[in-house]
Amino acid sequence: MTRIEATFARLRAEGRKAFVAYIMAGDPDVETSLELMRGLPAAGVDVIELGHPFTDPMADGPTIQAAGQRALAGGQTMDRTLEMVRAFRAGDAATPVVMMGYYNPIHARGVPRFLAEAGAAGIDGLIVVDLPPEEDAELCIPAQAAGLNFIRLATPTTDAQRLPKVLTNTSGFVYYVSVTGITGTAAARVAEVAPEVARIKAATDLPVVVGFGIATPDAARAIAGVADGCVVGSAIVKRLAEGAGVPAVLDFVRRLAEGAHGA
């Protein structure tokens, strides 16, 4: 059982919902992002989604695009992202870490090398948004053979014909994208999300976690109330970009987590 699977099993037994927080590795610099990452579990985060910057982040909205550009300008590399996870693991052996990114940096490194290094560093799962199920042999199946969960995204346009393909080989949890488009640009609506989550849960035993469009503790509570948990990314990254220090950002994360856990 991976850390991700163990965490969701524990939350299910406790009757609690998951709170997943996204941050960008290396934003605004390695030291600050590592300090923030280390503080997330104590702030109530159940799963950390760690973005790896890429020059063409097609699924990311302006806030996370800008974070990636800051990280790249500061010299963030795959080596530094993996080292950041190793440093985090030196003090936390329990909190799941999911690396979110794009396939190009992984392909450039070489899939076998990347998977070996990611597993050794302490990464538990991958979200690679530009690899559809038709390309599972590229990374998804090798990742799962290496002991990493491969987390697939379902969207409002994932119809009944497409959904079984999306769920095939997915593990850990299903990430439901609550709005059509990119991150941080629209608000998730419970009335629209609830039936979609129910539709997905009818087709899989995996937890369904909802992301995109969640920016407040009330929204986290509402969305987590109709799913197995929620993800907040842009709202956290935005506060860091606006100059809030790590303690202030962690205080905001704590309020978001309290919202999700209160669902």
Protein backbone atom coordinates (compact mmCIF):
# COMPACT_ATOMS: atom_id res chain seq x y z
CA MET A 1 0.00 0.00 0.00
CA THR A 2 1.41 3.38 -0.99
CA ARG A 3 1.38 6.40 1.32
CA ILE A 4 -1.45 7.82 -0.79
CA GLU A 5 -3.58 4.70 -0.45
CA ALA A 6 -2.81 4.43 3.28
CA THR A 7 -3.77 8.08 3.84
CA PHE A 8 -7.13 7.75 2.10
CA ALA A 9 -7.84 4.49 3.93
CA ARG A 10 -7.15 6.21 7.25
CA LEU A 11 -9.30 9.23 6.39
CA ARG A 12 -12.13 6.96 5.27
CA ALA A 13 -11.95 5.04 8.56
CA GLU A 14 -12.04 8.35 10.45
CA GLY A 15 -14.96 9.66 8.39
CA ARG A 16 -12.90 12.64 7.24
CA LYS A 17 -12.26 14.28 3.88
CA ALA A 18 -8.81 14.88 2.39
CA PHE A 19 -7.21 18.26 1.96
CA VAL A 20 -4.61 18.43 -0.80
CA ALA A 21 -2.41 21.53 -1.15
CA TYR A 22 -0.47 22.43 -4.29
CA ILE A 23 2.77 24.42 -4.26
CA MET A 24 5.37 25.01 -6.97
CA ALA A 25 8.86 23.64 -6.35
CA GLY A 26 11.38 26.47 -6.37
CA ASP A 27 8.88 29.33 -6.08
CA PRO A 28 10.05 31.93 -5.29
CA ASP A 29 13.23 30.03 -4.43
CA VAL A 30 14.18 26.56 -3.21
CA GLU A 31 14.63 27.59 0.41
CA THR A 32 11.23 29.29 0.70
CA SER A 33 9.33 26.54 -1.10
CA LEU A 34 11.00 23.87 1.07
CA GLU A 35 10.13 25.82 4.23
CA LEU A 36 6.53 26.02 3.05
CA MET A 37 6.45 22.34 2.12
CA ARG A 38 7.78 21.33 5.53
CA GLY A 39 5.04 23.35 7.22
CA LEU A 40 2.11 21.95 5.25
CA PRO A 41 1.45 18.75 7.26
CA ALA A 42 1.21 20.63 10.57
CA ALA A 43 -1.19 23.05 8.85
CA GLY A 44 -3.56 20.16 8.16
CA VAL A 45 -2.53 19.08 4.68
CA ASP A 46 -3.14 15.37 4.02
CA VAL A 47 -1.45 15.15 0.60
CA ILE A 48 1.11 17.53 -0.91
CA GLU A 49 0.91 18.17 -4.64
CA LEU A 50 4.32 19.48 -5.68
CA GLY A 51 4.47 21.18 -9.03
CA HIS A 52 7.58 20.87 -11.17
CA PRO A 53 7.99 23.92 -13.43
CA PHE A 54 7.80 23.61 -17.19
CA THR A 55 8.12 26.17 -19.98
CA ASP A 56 4.78 25.28 -21.63
CA PRO A 57 2.31 24.47 -18.82
CA MET A 58 -0.86 24.03 -20.86
CA ALA A 59 -3.18 23.16 -17.94
CA ASP A 60 -2.03 25.94 -15.63
CA GLY A 61 -3.64 29.33 -15.26
CA PRO A 62 -1.79 32.65 -14.98
CA THR A 63 -1.01 32.32 -11.26
CA ILE A 64 0.70 28.94 -11.51
CA GLN A 65 2.28 29.79 -14.87
CA ALA A 66 3.91 32.79 -13.20
CA ALA A 67 5.07 30.62 -10.30
CA GLY A 68 6.68 28.22 -12.75
CA GLN A 69 8.42 31.07 -14.53
CA ARG A 70 9.77 32.41 -11.24
CA ALA A 71 11.03 28.95 -10.34
CA LEU A 72 12.71 28.45 -13.72
CA ALA A 73 14.26 31.92 -13.57
CA GLY A 74 15.67 30.98 -10.18
CA GLY A 75 17.32 27.89 -11.65
CA GLN A 76 14.87 25.18 -10.61
CA THR A 77 15.70 21.85 -12.23
CA MET A 78 14.55 18.28 -11.85
CA ASP A 79 17.61 17.62 -9.70
CA ARG A 80 16.57 20.43 -7.36
CA THR A 81 12.97 19.23 -7.20
CA LEU A 82 14.09 15.72 -6.29
CA GLU A 83 16.51 17.10 -3.71
CA MET A 84 13.68 19.16 -2.24
CA VAL A 85 11.63 15.99 -1.76
CA ARG A 86 14.60 14.21 -0.20
CA ALA A 87 15.07 17.10 2.23
CA PHE A 88 11.36 17.00 3.11
CA ARG A 89 11.49 13.24 3.66
CA ALA A 90 14.35 13.66 6.13
CA GLY A 91 11.77 15.05 8.55
CA ASP A 92 8.51 13.51 7.33
CA ALA A 93 8.16 9.88 6.36
CA ALA A 94 4.36 9.81 6.32
CA THR A 95 2.83 12.62 4.25
CA PRO A 96 2.19 11.61 0.62
CA VAL A 97 3.87 13.70 -2.07
CA VAL A 98 2.45 13.78 -5.59
CA MET A 99 4.57 15.40 -8.26
CA MET A 100 2.51 17.30 -10.83
CA GLY A 101 4.08 18.23 -14.11
CA TYR A 102 4.49 17.56 -17.80
CA TYR A 103 6.07 14.70 -19.67
CA ASN A 104 8.88 16.54 -21.46
CA PRO A 105 11.24 16.88 -18.44
CA ILE A 106 10.61 13.24 -17.50
CA HIS A 107 11.19 12.02 -21.06
CA ALA A 108 14.37 14.08 -21.32
CA ARG A 109 15.70 12.48 -18.16
CA GLY A 110 14.68 9.01 -19.25
CA VAL A 111 11.69 7.21 -17.75
CA PRO A 112 13.60 4.40 -15.96
CA ARG A 113 16.07 6.85 -14.42
CA PHE A 114 13.34 9.28 -13.39
CA LEU A 115 11.17 6.61 -11.77
CA ALA A 116 14.11 5.17 -9.84
CA GLU A 117 15.15 8.62 -8.60
CA ALA A 118 11.60 9.73 -7.82
CA GLY A 119 10.90 6.62 -5.78
CA ALA A 120 14.19 6.90 -3.92
CA ALA A 121 13.54 10.58 -3.16
CA GLY A 122 10.15 9.78 -1.64
CA ILE A 123 7.65 10.75 -4.33
CA ASP A 124 4.49 8.66 -4.03
CA GLY A 125 2.50 9.54 -7.13
CA LEU A 126 2.49 11.41 -10.42
CA ILE A 127 0.07 13.70 -12.21
CA VAL A 128 1.25 14.19 -15.79
CA VAL A 129 -1.49 16.06 -17.56
CA ASP A 130 -0.21 15.81 -21.13
CA LEU A 131 -0.11 11.99 -21.28
CA PRO A 132 -3.56 10.62 -22.20
CA PRO A 133 -4.55 7.02 -21.42
CA GLU A 134 -3.59 6.00 -24.96
CA GLU A 135 0.03 6.63 -23.92
CA ASP A 136 -0.07 4.56 -20.72
CA ALA A 137 2.87 2.45 -21.83
CA GLU A 138 5.08 5.57 -21.86
CA LEU A 139 4.93 6.31 -18.13
CA CYS A 140 1.74 5.23 -16.34
CA ILE A 141 2.32 1.47 -16.41
CA PRO A 142 6.08 1.71 -15.69
CA ALA A 143 5.36 4.12 -12.81
CA GLN A 144 2.92 1.74 -11.19
CA ALA A 145 5.33 -1.14 -11.67
CA ALA A 146 7.87 1.00 -9.79
CA GLY A 147 5.44 1.49 -6.89
CA LEU A 148 4.21 5.01 -7.72
CA ASN A 149 0.53 5.84 -8.11
CA PHE A 150 -0.46 7.39 -11.43
CA ILE A 151 -3.30 9.84 -10.87
CA ARG A 152 -5.52 10.66 -13.80
CA LEU A 153 -7.70 13.71 -14.30
CA ALA A 154 -11.37 13.54 -15.21
CA THR A 155 -13.07 16.71 -16.44
CA PRO A 156 -16.58 18.02 -17.14
CA THR A 157 -16.10 16.87 -20.74
CA THR A 158 -15.18 13.28 -19.79
CA ASP A 159 -18.32 11.57 -21.06
CA ALA A 160 -19.63 8.07 -20.35
CA GLN A 161 -17.73 6.63 -23.29
CA ARG A 162 -14.42 8.19 -22.27
CA LEU A 163 -14.59 7.67 -18.51
CA PRO A 164 -13.73 3.93 -18.46
CA LYS A 165 -10.60 4.64 -20.47
CA VAL A 166 -9.59 7.41 -18.07
CA LEU A 167 -10.09 5.13 -15.07
CA THR A 168 -8.12 2.24 -16.55
CA ASN A 169 -4.69 2.07 -14.85
CA THR A 170 -5.47 5.06 -12.62
CA SER A 171 -4.47 4.54 -8.99
CA GLY A 172 -4.28 6.44 -5.70
CA PHE A 173 -7.22 8.70 -6.40
CA VAL A 174 -9.09 10.31 -9.28
CA TYR A 175 -8.61 14.05 -9.65
CA TYR A 176 -11.83 15.65 -10.87
CA VAL A 177 -11.30 19.01 -12.56
CA SER A 178 -14.34 21.00 -11.49
CA VAL A 179 -14.30 23.59 -14.27
CA THR A 180 -13.56 23.54 -17.96
CA GLY A 181 -10.29 25.29 -18.75
CA ILE A 182 -7.15 26.16 -16.81
CA THR A 183 -6.44 26.52 -13.10
CA GLY A 184 -7.39 29.55 -11.08
CA THR A 185 -9.82 31.13 -13.56
CA ALA A 186 -13.32 30.12 -12.40
CA ALA A 187 -15.10 29.08 -9.23
CA ALA A 188 -16.22 25.51 -8.62
CA ARG A 189 -19.98 25.15 -8.15
CA VAL A 190 -21.26 22.44 -5.84
CA ALA A 191 -24.48 21.94 -7.82
CA GLU A 192 -22.43 21.10 -10.91
CA VAL A 193 -19.69 19.14 -9.16
CA ALA A 194 -21.85 16.83 -7.02
CA PRO A 195 -23.51 14.83 -9.82
CA GLU A 196 -20.21 14.49 -11.68
CA VAL A 197 -18.45 13.15 -8.60
CA ALA A 198 -21.31 10.70 -8.07
CA ARG A 199 -21.04 9.56 -11.69
CA ILE A 200 -17.31 8.90 -11.33
CA LYS A 201 -17.70 7.14 -7.97
CA ALA A 202 -20.29 4.83 -9.51
CA ALA A 203 -17.57 3.65 -11.91
CA THR A 204 -14.62 3.23 -9.52
CA ASP A 205 -13.74 2.39 -5.92
CA LEU A 206 -10.98 5.01 -5.94
CA PRO A 207 -11.40 8.21 -3.91
CA VAL A 208 -12.47 11.21 -6.00
CA VAL A 209 -10.81 14.50 -5.11
CA VAL A 210 -11.92 17.79 -6.66
CA GLY A 211 -9.61 20.60 -7.73
CA PHE A 212 -9.66 23.86 -9.72
CA GLY A 213 -11.78 26.83 -8.64
CA ILE A 214 -11.51 26.41 -4.84
CA ALA A 215 -10.10 29.48 -3.10
CA THR A 216 -11.73 29.87 0.33
CA PRO A 217 -12.35 27.76 3.44
CA ASP A 218 -16.09 27.84 2.74
CA ALA A 219 -15.55 26.61 -0.81
CA ALA A 220 -13.22 23.88 0.46
CA ARG A 221 -15.91 22.74 2.91
CA ALA A 222 -18.64 22.79 0.28
CA ILE A 223 -16.69 20.90 -2.39
CA ALA A 224 -15.18 18.37 0.03
CA GLY A 225 -18.73 17.75 1.24
CA VAL A 226 -19.66 16.17 -2.09
CA ALA A 227 -16.34 14.40 -2.76
CA ASP A 228 -13.58 12.54 -0.92
CA GLY A 229 -11.55 15.71 -0.64
CA CYS A 230 -10.46 18.86 -2.39
CA VAL A 231 -7.34 20.48 -3.83
CA VAL A 232 -6.32 24.13 -3.50
CA GLY A 233 -3.42 25.47 -5.53
CA SER A 234 -3.72 28.88 -7.17
CA ALA A 235 -5.08 30.59 -4.04
CA ILE A 236 -2.06 29.39 -2.04
CA VAL A 237 0.47 30.25 -4.74
CA LYS A 238 -1.13 33.69 -5.19
CA ARG A 239 -0.59 34.63 -1.56
CA LEU A 240 3.06 33.68 -1.77
CA ALA A 241 3.41 35.74 -4.97
CA GLU A 242 1.80 38.73 -3.26
CA GLY A 243 4.57 38.77 -0.68
CA ALA A 244 2.95 36.93 2.21
CA GLY A 245 5.58 35.21 4.30
CA VAL A 246 5.58 31.48 4.89
CA PRO A 247 3.87 31.77 8.31
CA ALA A 248 1.01 33.80 6.78
CA VAL A 249 0.62 31.38 3.88
CA LEU A 250 0.55 28.44 6.29
CA ASP A 251 -2.11 30.20 8.36
CA PHE A 252 -4.23 30.49 5.21
CA VAL A 253 -3.60 26.82 4.41
CA ARG A 254 -4.67 25.90 7.94
CA ARG A 255 -8.01 27.66 7.46
CA LEU A 256 -8.53 25.91 4.12
CA ALA A 257 -7.74 22.55 5.72
CA GLU A 258 -10.17 23.24 8.54
CA GLY A 259 -12.81 23.97 5.93
CA ALA A 260 -12.20 20.72 4.06
CA HIS A 261 -12.00 18.68 7.26
CA GLY A 262 -15.22 20.24 8.48
CA ALA A 263 -17.14 18.86 5.51
